[in-house]
């Protein structure tokens, strides 16, 4: 059986990207599921099915491509462009579920990795997110810290950045594919926090990534409840209207 070969790339600038990204960090173009190619589909946030296809993570040592920033020809296996120093390879796929069916396969090249399930703690990343330090967050991710790491209260960097009011950090983590559904030990989700802070644009971004507007904390509070308690009545009503619409459908 012949199989198609797919290196996951941005549909705009052709930079290699992981499937869980929602926005290319090079050209900012949205990375859609159809960019993964025929035979590779997303069935949910961070959930991938491979049908009769061969998916490649990382790069072959012999491959070369143009740097998305300066255009210089650079070996694809290099992490940074030798000409301008830009980071070239995003080589980790953060997945919640991976299914390979009917002869499909995956190759993980040297230096690349696939993480399935909840990653282990990475205190330095969670601390940087809690401090709202965008540069430090980028450095920790470049150093290999896990995107959806948790602190002892099971709070992810995304949730911690929103608690700190660090919207720029939260947007960056979303663009890098942070899981919007992970809840803390108390059942708090990023949507709860964004709603309580009245961050309408962040709420919309989270909902676009599949956040559940009806998610409940351990004491049964929804994001709409938290928005209303904080005095954001219009946002609370909008969230409730969304959950009603889902129930009708």
Protein backbone atom coordinates (compact mmCIF):
# COMPACT_ATOMS: atom_id res chain seq x y z
CA UNK A 1 0.00 0.00 0.00
CA UNK A 2 1.38 3.41 -0.96
CA UNK A 3 1.10 6.19 1.59
CA UNK A 4 1.30 9.93 1.18
CA UNK A 5 3.98 11.69 3.19
CA UNK A 6 3.12 14.83 5.14
CA UNK A 7 5.51 17.21 6.84
CA UNK A 8 3.31 19.51 8.87
CA UNK A 9 3.83 23.01 7.50
CA UNK A 10 2.20 26.42 7.65
CA UNK A 11 -0.04 26.92 4.58
CA UNK A 12 1.22 30.51 4.32
CA UNK A 13 5.01 30.49 4.67
CA UNK A 14 5.72 26.72 4.64
CA UNK A 15 7.51 26.85 7.99
CA UNK A 16 7.24 23.53 9.84
CA UNK A 17 4.60 23.62 12.57
CA UNK A 18 3.14 21.17 15.04
CA UNK A 19 -0.44 20.07 14.47
CA UNK A 20 -1.65 21.52 17.74
CA UNK A 21 -0.74 25.08 16.74
CA UNK A 22 -3.60 27.39 15.80
CA UNK A 23 -1.43 30.21 14.45
CA UNK A 24 1.94 30.12 12.70
CA UNK A 25 4.54 31.83 14.93
CA UNK A 26 6.40 33.02 11.82
CA UNK A 27 3.74 34.63 9.59
CA UNK A 28 0.76 34.64 12.02
CA UNK A 29 -1.47 32.86 9.50
CA UNK A 30 -4.05 30.48 11.02
CA UNK A 31 -3.00 26.83 10.73
CA UNK A 32 -6.10 24.96 9.63
CA UNK A 33 -6.67 21.19 9.90
CA UNK A 34 -6.61 20.89 6.09
CA UNK A 35 -3.01 22.11 6.15
CA UNK A 36 -2.07 18.69 7.53
CA UNK A 37 -2.85 17.09 4.17
CA UNK A 38 -5.09 14.32 2.90
CA UNK A 39 -5.41 11.43 5.32
CA UNK A 40 -4.60 13.48 8.44
CA UNK A 41 -7.49 15.02 10.36
CA UNK A 42 -8.11 16.76 13.66
CA UNK A 43 -11.11 15.39 15.55
CA UNK A 44 -10.85 17.83 18.46
CA UNK A 45 -8.35 20.09 20.20
CA UNK A 46 -5.05 18.19 20.12
CA UNK A 47 -6.68 15.01 18.79
CA UNK A 48 -5.31 13.58 15.55
CA UNK A 49 -6.31 10.67 13.33
CA UNK A 50 -3.97 9.40 10.60
CA UNK A 51 -5.63 7.38 7.80
CA UNK A 52 -3.39 5.74 5.19
CA UNK A 53 -0.85 8.55 5.51
CA UNK A 54 2.68 8.95 6.78
CA UNK A 55 3.13 11.94 9.08
CA UNK A 56 6.62 13.29 9.74
CA UNK A 57 7.55 15.15 12.92
CA UNK A 58 10.87 16.97 12.78
CA UNK A 59 13.10 17.05 9.72
CA UNK A 60 15.34 14.69 7.78
CA UNK A 61 19.02 15.55 8.09
CA UNK A 62 19.29 16.02 4.32
CA UNK A 63 16.32 18.36 3.84
CA UNK A 64 16.82 22.05 3.14
CA UNK A 65 14.39 24.97 2.89
CA UNK A 66 14.27 28.75 2.79
CA UNK A 67 14.28 30.47 6.17
CA UNK A 68 10.81 32.03 6.69
CA UNK A 69 12.49 35.21 7.92
CA UNK A 70 15.47 35.98 5.68
CA UNK A 71 15.07 33.51 2.80
CA UNK A 72 18.50 31.92 3.22
CA UNK A 73 18.72 28.23 2.35
CA UNK A 74 19.13 26.34 5.61
CA UNK A 75 19.32 22.61 6.49
CA UNK A 76 15.86 21.70 7.78
CA UNK A 77 17.34 19.76 10.70
CA UNK A 78 18.94 22.94 12.10
CA UNK A 79 17.06 24.58 14.94
CA UNK A 80 18.14 28.07 13.90
CA UNK A 81 18.98 29.77 10.63
CA UNK A 82 22.75 30.10 10.23
CA UNK A 83 22.27 33.44 8.44
CA UNK A 84 19.84 35.40 10.67
CA UNK A 85 19.58 33.22 13.79
CA UNK A 86 15.78 32.81 13.63
CA UNK A 87 14.29 29.71 15.20
CA UNK A 88 13.28 27.33 12.40
CA UNK A 89 11.90 24.08 13.74
CA UNK A 90 8.99 23.52 16.07
CA UNK A 91 9.57 19.89 16.74
CA UNK A 92 7.15 18.91 19.48
CA UNK A 93 3.55 17.83 18.91
CA UNK A 94 1.37 18.23 21.99
CA UNK A 95 -1.49 15.78 21.55
CA UNK A 96 -4.29 14.56 23.76
CA UNK A 97 -5.06 11.61 21.50
CA UNK A 98 -3.46 10.03 18.43
CA UNK A 99 -5.11 7.28 16.36
CA UNK A 100 -3.37 5.62 13.38
CA UNK A 101 -5.66 3.53 11.18
CA UNK A 102 -5.49 1.32 8.10
CA UNK A 103 -1.77 1.41 7.48
CA UNK A 104 -1.10 5.01 8.42
CA UNK A 105 2.19 5.70 10.14
CA UNK A 106 4.32 8.37 11.79
CA UNK A 107 8.07 9.06 11.76
CA UNK A 108 9.67 11.03 14.58
CA UNK A 109 13.11 12.26 13.57
CA UNK A 110 16.02 12.77 15.94
CA UNK A 111 15.34 15.67 18.27
CA UNK A 112 11.59 15.69 17.71
CA UNK A 113 9.03 14.26 20.10
CA UNK A 114 5.32 13.60 20.50
CA UNK A 115 3.70 14.07 23.89
CA UNK A 116 0.33 12.44 24.50
CA UNK A 117 -1.68 13.11 27.64
CA UNK A 118 -0.99 15.62 30.40
CA UNK A 119 2.71 16.56 30.49
CA UNK A 120 4.57 16.62 33.75
CA UNK A 121 5.19 19.77 35.77
CA UNK A 122 7.56 22.44 34.53
CA UNK A 123 7.77 24.96 37.40
CA UNK A 124 9.94 27.46 35.52
CA UNK A 125 7.35 27.86 32.75
CA UNK A 126 4.45 28.11 35.17
CA UNK A 127 6.35 30.68 37.20
CA UNK A 128 7.10 32.75 34.09
CA UNK A 129 3.43 32.64 33.06
CA UNK A 130 2.30 33.60 36.55
CA UNK A 131 4.69 36.56 36.47
CA UNK A 132 3.38 37.63 33.06
CA UNK A 133 6.90 37.54 31.63
CA UNK A 134 6.43 36.91 27.90
CA UNK A 135 10.13 36.78 27.07
CA UNK A 136 10.75 34.25 29.84
CA UNK A 137 7.80 32.16 28.67
CA UNK A 138 9.29 32.05 25.17
CA UNK A 139 12.69 31.12 26.58
CA UNK A 140 11.24 28.29 28.68
CA UNK A 141 9.34 26.87 25.70
CA UNK A 142 12.48 27.10 23.57
CA UNK A 143 14.30 25.25 26.35
CA UNK A 144 11.79 22.39 26.13
CA UNK A 145 9.36 23.09 28.98
CA UNK A 146 5.97 21.53 28.35
CA UNK A 147 3.27 23.84 27.05
CA UNK A 148 0.49 22.43 29.24
CA UNK A 149 2.58 21.88 32.36
CA UNK A 150 0.82 22.37 35.69
CA UNK A 151 1.69 23.65 39.13
CA UNK A 152 0.66 21.78 42.28
CA UNK A 153 -2.91 23.12 41.94
CA UNK A 154 -3.05 21.72 38.38
CA UNK A 155 -3.08 25.22 36.92
CA UNK A 156 -1.58 25.46 33.43
CA UNK A 157 0.54 28.38 32.17
CA UNK A 158 -2.47 29.60 30.18
CA UNK A 159 -4.69 29.71 33.25
CA UNK A 160 -1.96 31.30 35.38
CA UNK A 161 -1.27 34.01 32.80
CA UNK A 162 -4.96 34.93 32.73
CA UNK A 163 -5.12 35.02 36.51
CA UNK A 164 -2.21 37.47 36.38
CA UNK A 165 -3.97 39.57 33.75
CA UNK A 166 -1.09 38.89 31.33
CA UNK A 167 -3.18 38.94 28.15
CA UNK A 168 -0.17 39.08 25.81
CA UNK A 169 1.27 35.93 27.41
CA UNK A 170 -2.11 34.20 27.22
CA UNK A 171 -2.46 35.03 23.53
CA UNK A 172 1.01 33.69 22.81
CA UNK A 173 0.29 30.44 24.64
CA UNK A 174 -2.96 30.09 22.70
CA UNK A 175 -1.10 30.63 19.43
CA UNK A 176 1.35 27.91 20.46
CA UNK A 177 -1.54 25.47 20.94
CA UNK A 178 -2.19 25.57 24.69
CA UNK A 179 -5.05 23.32 25.71
CA UNK A 180 -8.10 25.43 26.57
CA UNK A 181 -9.97 22.64 28.33
CA UNK A 182 -7.52 21.80 31.13
CA UNK A 183 -9.02 22.60 34.52
CA UNK A 184 -7.36 23.23 37.87
CA UNK A 185 -7.86 21.01 40.91
CA UNK A 186 -10.92 23.16 41.72
CA UNK A 187 -12.32 22.80 38.21
CA UNK A 188 -11.34 26.31 37.12
CA UNK A 189 -10.75 26.68 33.37
CA UNK A 190 -9.11 29.51 31.42
CA UNK A 191 -12.60 30.53 30.28
CA UNK A 192 -13.72 30.98 33.90
CA UNK A 193 -10.79 33.30 34.57
CA UNK A 194 -11.16 35.32 31.36
CA UNK A 195 -14.88 35.72 32.01
CA UNK A 196 -14.32 36.85 35.60
CA UNK A 197 -11.84 39.46 34.39
CA UNK A 198 -14.18 40.69 31.64
CA UNK A 199 -11.67 39.91 28.89
CA UNK A 200 -14.17 39.76 26.01
CA UNK A 201 -11.60 39.30 23.25
CA UNK A 202 -9.83 36.53 25.15
CA UNK A 203 -13.16 34.86 25.86
CA UNK A 204 -13.87 34.87 22.12
CA UNK A 205 -10.42 33.42 21.38
CA UNK A 206 -10.92 30.64 23.93
CA UNK A 207 -14.37 29.80 22.56
CA UNK A 208 -12.94 29.70 19.03
CA UNK A 209 -10.43 27.11 20.26
CA UNK A 210 -13.18 24.91 21.65
CA UNK A 211 -13.46 26.07 25.27
CA UNK A 212 -16.65 24.81 26.93
CA UNK A 213 -18.92 27.69 27.97
CA UNK A 214 -20.82 25.28 30.21
CA UNK A 215 -17.74 23.98 32.11
CA UNK A 216 -18.36 23.86 35.85
CA UNK A 217 -16.06 24.23 38.82
CA UNK A 218 -16.33 21.87 41.77
CA UNK A 219 -18.89 24.20 43.32
CA UNK A 220 -20.88 24.20 40.05
CA UNK A 221 -19.96 27.69 38.79
CA UNK A 222 -19.95 28.28 35.03
CA UNK A 223 -17.89 30.97 33.26
CA UNK A 224 -21.11 32.98 32.93
CA UNK A 225 -21.58 32.79 36.70
CA UNK A 226 -18.08 34.14 37.28
CA UNK A 227 -18.61 36.94 34.77
CA UNK A 228 -21.85 37.95 36.45
CA UNK A 229 -20.34 37.86 39.96
CA UNK A 230 -17.57 40.18 38.76
CA UNK A 231 -20.06 42.67 37.32
CA UNK A 232 -19.70 41.77 33.62
CA UNK A 233 -23.41 41.32 32.93
CA UNK A 234 -23.28 41.61 29.15
CA UNK A 235 -20.52 39.02 28.90
CA UNK A 236 -22.40 36.71 31.26
CA UNK A 237 -25.52 36.96 29.12
CA UNK A 238 -23.53 36.27 25.96
CA UNK A 239 -22.00 33.15 27.49
CA UNK A 240 -25.39 31.91 28.69
CA UNK A 241 -26.88 32.48 25.25
CA UNK A 242 -24.12 30.34 23.79
CA UNK A 243 -24.84 27.43 26.15
CA UNK A 244 -28.58 27.67 25.42
CA UNK A 245 -27.86 27.56 21.73
CA UNK A 246 -25.78 24.42 22.17
CA UNK A 247 -28.55 22.71 24.13
CA UNK A 248 -31.13 23.53 21.44
CA UNK A 249 -28.90 22.10 18.72
